[in-house]
Amino acid sequence: MDGLEVLDFGRDALWTTVWMCAPAMIAGLVVGLVIAFFQALTQIQEMTLVFVPKIIAIFAALLIFLPLMGALLAGFAEQVFTRIAEF
């Protein structure tokens, strides 16, 4: 295994991590922006108001996208195992 293959493994691992984290991060971002917009409109400046909706949204996103995340991780693992078996 040479340096290019190691870099390829690392790049694939990073992209898999990004794609697996994206649904939860996007859900948290959207809910945070909506709550911030609501706070700006109503001038309610409660810091703890953001946490519960974000936690619920991230949990829901994880439940919804868990099959996709599992398929991504399984595909990456299969790709890694086939590359290892070739050596």
N, C-alpha and C. Protein backbone atom coordinates (compact mmCIF):
# COMPACT_ATOMS: atom_id res chain seq x y z
N MET A 1 0.85 -1.16 0.00
CA MET A 1 0.00 0.00 0.00
C MET A 1 0.90 1.24 0.00
N ASP A 2 0.69 2.10 -0.94
CA ASP A 2 1.52 3.30 -1.03
C ASP A 2 0.77 4.51 -0.48
N GLY A 3 1.42 5.65 -0.54
CA GLY A 3 0.86 6.86 0.04
C GLY A 3 -0.42 7.34 -0.61
N LEU A 4 -0.54 7.12 -1.91
CA LEU A 4 -1.75 7.55 -2.60
C LEU A 4 -2.97 6.77 -2.15
N GLU A 5 -2.80 5.49 -1.91
CA GLU A 5 -3.93 4.68 -1.44
C GLU A 5 -4.33 5.05 -0.03
N VAL A 6 -3.36 5.38 0.81
CA VAL A 6 -3.66 5.83 2.17
C VAL A 6 -4.42 7.15 2.12
N LEU A 7 -3.99 8.06 1.28
CA LEU A 7 -4.70 9.33 1.12
C LEU A 7 -6.11 9.10 0.57
N ASP A 8 -6.26 8.14 -0.32
CA ASP A 8 -7.58 7.81 -0.85
C ASP A 8 -8.49 7.27 0.25
N PHE A 9 -7.94 6.40 1.10
CA PHE A 9 -8.71 5.91 2.26
C PHE A 9 -9.15 7.07 3.15
N GLY A 10 -8.22 7.96 3.44
CA GLY A 10 -8.53 9.10 4.30
C GLY A 10 -9.58 10.01 3.71
N ARG A 11 -9.46 10.27 2.41
CA ARG A 11 -10.45 11.12 1.73
C ARG A 11 -11.83 10.48 1.76
N ASP A 12 -11.90 9.18 1.47
CA ASP A 12 -13.19 8.48 1.51
C ASP A 12 -13.77 8.46 2.92
N ALA A 13 -12.91 8.31 3.92
CA ALA A 13 -13.38 8.31 5.30
C ALA A 13 -13.94 9.67 5.68
N LEU A 14 -13.27 10.73 5.26
CA LEU A 14 -13.76 12.07 5.58
C LEU A 14 -15.08 12.37 4.88
N TRP A 15 -15.20 11.98 3.61
CA TRP A 15 -16.46 12.22 2.90
C TRP A 15 -17.59 11.39 3.49
N THR A 16 -17.29 10.17 3.91
CA THR A 16 -18.32 9.35 4.55
C THR A 16 -18.77 9.99 5.85
N THR A 17 -17.83 10.53 6.61
CA THR A 17 -18.17 11.20 7.85
C THR A 17 -19.03 12.44 7.59
N VAL A 18 -18.69 13.20 6.58
CA VAL A 18 -19.48 14.39 6.25
C VAL A 18 -20.90 14.00 5.86
N TRP A 19 -21.04 12.98 5.01
CA TRP A 19 -22.37 12.57 4.56
C TRP A 19 -23.18 11.96 5.69
N MET A 20 -22.52 11.32 6.65
CA MET A 20 -23.26 10.74 7.77
C MET A 20 -23.70 11.81 8.77
N CYS A 21 -22.93 12.85 8.93
CA CYS A 21 -23.26 13.91 9.89
C CYS A 21 -24.19 14.97 9.31
N ALA A 22 -24.26 15.06 8.02
CA ALA A 22 -25.00 16.15 7.36
C ALA A 22 -26.48 16.23 7.75
N PRO A 23 -27.25 15.13 7.78
CA PRO A 23 -28.67 15.29 8.12
C PRO A 23 -28.91 15.86 9.52
N ALA A 24 -28.16 15.40 10.50
CA ALA A 24 -28.34 15.91 11.87
C ALA A 24 -27.89 17.36 11.96
N MET A 25 -26.79 17.69 11.31
CA MET A 25 -26.29 19.06 11.37
C MET A 25 -27.23 20.03 10.65
N ILE A 26 -27.76 19.63 9.52
CA ILE A 26 -28.68 20.50 8.78
C ILE A 26 -29.98 20.69 9.56
N ALA A 27 -30.47 19.62 10.19
CA ALA A 27 -31.69 19.75 11.00
C ALA A 27 -31.46 20.70 12.17
N GLY A 28 -30.33 20.58 12.85
CA GLY A 28 -30.02 21.49 13.94
C GLY A 28 -29.86 22.92 13.48
N LEU A 29 -29.25 23.11 12.31
CA LEU A 29 -29.07 24.45 11.76
C LEU A 29 -30.41 25.09 11.42
N VAL A 30 -31.27 24.34 10.76
CA VAL A 30 -32.57 24.89 10.36
C VAL A 30 -33.41 25.25 11.58
N VAL A 31 -33.47 24.35 12.55
CA VAL A 31 -34.26 24.63 13.76
C VAL A 31 -33.66 25.81 14.53
N GLY A 32 -32.34 25.87 14.60
CA GLY A 32 -31.70 26.99 15.28
C GLY A 32 -32.00 28.32 14.60
N LEU A 33 -31.99 28.34 13.27
CA LEU A 33 -32.32 29.57 12.55
C LEU A 33 -33.77 29.99 12.73
N VAL A 34 -34.66 29.00 12.73
CA VAL A 34 -36.09 29.31 12.93
C VAL A 34 -36.31 29.86 14.34
N ILE A 35 -35.71 29.24 15.33
CA ILE A 35 -35.87 29.71 16.71
C ILE A 35 -35.24 31.11 16.86
N ALA A 36 -34.08 31.33 16.26
CA ALA A 36 -33.43 32.64 16.34
C ALA A 36 -34.29 33.71 15.67
N PHE A 37 -34.90 33.36 14.54
CA PHE A 37 -35.79 34.31 13.86
C PHE A 37 -37.00 34.61 14.73
N PHE A 38 -37.56 33.57 15.36
CA PHE A 38 -38.71 33.75 16.26
C PHE A 38 -38.32 34.63 17.45
N GLN A 39 -37.14 34.41 18.02
CA GLN A 39 -36.69 35.23 19.14
C GLN A 39 -36.46 36.67 18.71
N ALA A 40 -35.97 36.88 17.51
CA ALA A 40 -35.75 38.24 17.04
C ALA A 40 -37.08 38.97 16.80
N LEU A 41 -38.08 38.23 16.32
CA LEU A 41 -39.38 38.85 16.07
C LEU A 41 -40.11 39.19 17.37
N THR A 42 -40.03 38.30 18.34
CA THR A 42 -40.79 38.50 19.57
C THR A 42 -39.96 39.15 20.67
N GLN A 43 -38.69 39.33 20.46
CA GLN A 43 -37.75 39.90 21.42
C GLN A 43 -37.69 39.09 22.72
N ILE A 44 -37.92 37.78 22.60
CA ILE A 44 -37.72 36.88 23.73
C ILE A 44 -36.27 36.43 23.67
N GLN A 45 -35.51 36.75 24.68
CA GLN A 45 -34.08 36.43 24.68
C GLN A 45 -33.77 35.35 25.72
N GLU A 46 -34.48 34.26 25.65
CA GLU A 46 -34.23 33.13 26.55
C GLU A 46 -33.23 32.20 25.90
N MET A 47 -32.09 31.98 26.54
CA MET A 47 -31.02 31.17 25.96
C MET A 47 -31.37 29.69 25.91
N THR A 48 -32.18 29.21 26.86
CA THR A 48 -32.49 27.78 26.91
C THR A 48 -33.61 27.40 25.96
N LEU A 49 -34.24 28.36 25.31
CA LEU A 49 -35.34 28.08 24.39
C LEU A 49 -34.88 27.30 23.17
N VAL A 50 -33.64 27.41 22.81
CA VAL A 50 -33.12 26.80 21.59
C VAL A 50 -32.82 25.31 21.78
N PHE A 51 -32.43 24.90 22.97
CA PHE A 51 -31.88 23.57 23.16
C PHE A 51 -32.88 22.44 22.95
N VAL A 52 -34.05 22.51 23.54
CA VAL A 52 -35.01 21.41 23.46
C VAL A 52 -35.49 21.18 22.02
N PRO A 53 -35.90 22.20 21.26
CA PRO A 53 -36.29 21.94 19.87
C PRO A 53 -35.14 21.40 19.02
N LYS A 54 -33.91 21.88 19.26
CA LYS A 54 -32.77 21.36 18.51
C LYS A 54 -32.53 19.89 18.81
N ILE A 55 -32.59 19.52 20.08
CA ILE A 55 -32.39 18.12 20.46
C ILE A 55 -33.45 17.24 19.84
N ILE A 56 -34.69 17.67 19.87
CA ILE A 56 -35.78 16.89 19.27
C ILE A 56 -35.59 16.78 17.75
N ALA A 57 -35.22 17.87 17.10
CA ALA A 57 -35.03 17.84 15.64
C ALA A 57 -33.86 16.95 15.25
N ILE A 58 -32.77 17.02 16.00
CA ILE A 58 -31.62 16.18 15.68
C ILE A 58 -31.96 14.71 15.92
N PHE A 59 -32.65 14.41 17.00
CA PHE A 59 -33.06 13.04 17.26
C PHE A 59 -33.99 12.52 16.16
N ALA A 60 -34.94 13.34 15.72
CA ALA A 60 -35.85 12.93 14.64
C ALA A 60 -35.08 12.72 13.33
N ALA A 61 -34.13 13.60 13.05
CA ALA A 61 -33.33 13.45 11.83
C ALA A 61 -32.50 12.17 11.89
N LEU A 62 -31.96 11.85 13.06
CA LEU A 62 -31.20 10.61 13.19
C LEU A 62 -32.09 9.39 12.98
N LEU A 63 -33.30 9.42 13.52
CA LEU A 63 -34.22 8.30 13.32
C LEU A 63 -34.62 8.15 11.86
N ILE A 64 -34.87 9.26 11.20
CA ILE A 64 -35.31 9.21 9.80
C ILE A 64 -34.18 8.77 8.88
N PHE A 65 -32.97 9.31 9.09
CA PHE A 65 -31.87 9.05 8.18
C PHE A 65 -30.95 7.92 8.63
N LEU A 66 -31.32 7.20 9.69
CA LEU A 66 -30.48 6.11 10.15
C LEU A 66 -30.29 5.01 9.11
N PRO A 67 -31.30 4.61 8.34
CA PRO A 67 -31.04 3.61 7.28
C PRO A 67 -30.05 4.10 6.22
N LEU A 68 -30.15 5.36 5.83
CA LEU A 68 -29.21 5.93 4.87
C LEU A 68 -27.80 5.95 5.45
N MET A 69 -27.68 6.33 6.70
CA MET A 69 -26.37 6.38 7.34
C MET A 69 -25.76 4.99 7.46
N GLY A 70 -26.59 4.01 7.79
CA GLY A 70 -26.11 2.64 7.87
C GLY A 70 -25.66 2.12 6.52
N ALA A 71 -26.40 2.47 5.47
CA ALA A 71 -26.03 2.03 4.13
C ALA A 71 -24.72 2.69 3.69
N LEU A 72 -24.54 3.97 4.03
CA LEU A 72 -23.29 4.65 3.69
C LEU A 72 -22.10 4.01 4.41
N LEU A 73 -22.29 3.72 5.69
CA LEU A 73 -21.20 3.12 6.45
C LEU A 73 -20.91 1.70 5.99
N ALA A 74 -21.96 0.95 5.66
CA ALA A 74 -21.76 -0.41 5.15
C ALA A 74 -21.05 -0.39 3.80
N GLY A 75 -21.41 0.54 2.93
CA GLY A 75 -20.73 0.66 1.64
C GLY A 75 -19.27 1.04 1.80
N PHE A 76 -18.99 1.94 2.74
CA PHE A 76 -17.59 2.32 2.97
C PHE A 76 -16.81 1.15 3.54
N ALA A 77 -17.41 0.43 4.49
CA ALA A 77 -16.72 -0.72 5.08
C ALA A 77 -16.47 -1.80 4.03
N GLU A 78 -17.44 -2.03 3.17
CA GLU A 78 -17.26 -3.02 2.10
C GLU A 78 -16.14 -2.61 1.15
N GLN A 79 -16.09 -1.33 0.84
CA GLN A 79 -15.03 -0.82 -0.03
C GLN A 79 -13.66 -0.99 0.62
N VAL A 80 -13.57 -0.70 1.91
CA VAL A 80 -12.30 -0.85 2.62
C VAL A 80 -11.88 -2.32 2.68
N PHE A 81 -12.83 -3.19 2.98
CA PHE A 81 -12.51 -4.61 3.09
C PHE A 81 -12.09 -5.22 1.75
N THR A 82 -12.72 -4.78 0.66
CA THR A 82 -12.32 -5.29 -0.65
C THR A 82 -10.93 -4.77 -1.04
N ARG A 83 -10.63 -3.54 -0.67
CA ARG A 83 -9.27 -3.02 -0.95
C ARG A 83 -8.22 -3.77 -0.13
N ILE A 84 -8.56 -4.07 1.11
CA ILE A 84 -7.61 -4.82 1.95
C ILE A 84 -7.41 -6.23 1.41
N ALA A 85 -8.48 -6.85 0.93
CA ALA A 85 -8.39 -8.21 0.42
C ALA A 85 -7.56 -8.28 -0.88
N GLU A 86 -7.49 -7.18 -1.59
CA GLU A 86 -6.72 -7.17 -2.84
C GLU A 86 -5.22 -7.23 -2.59
N PHE A 87 -4.78 -6.87 -1.40
CA PHE A 87 -3.35 -6.84 -1.13
C PHE A 87 -2.88 -8.16 -0.72
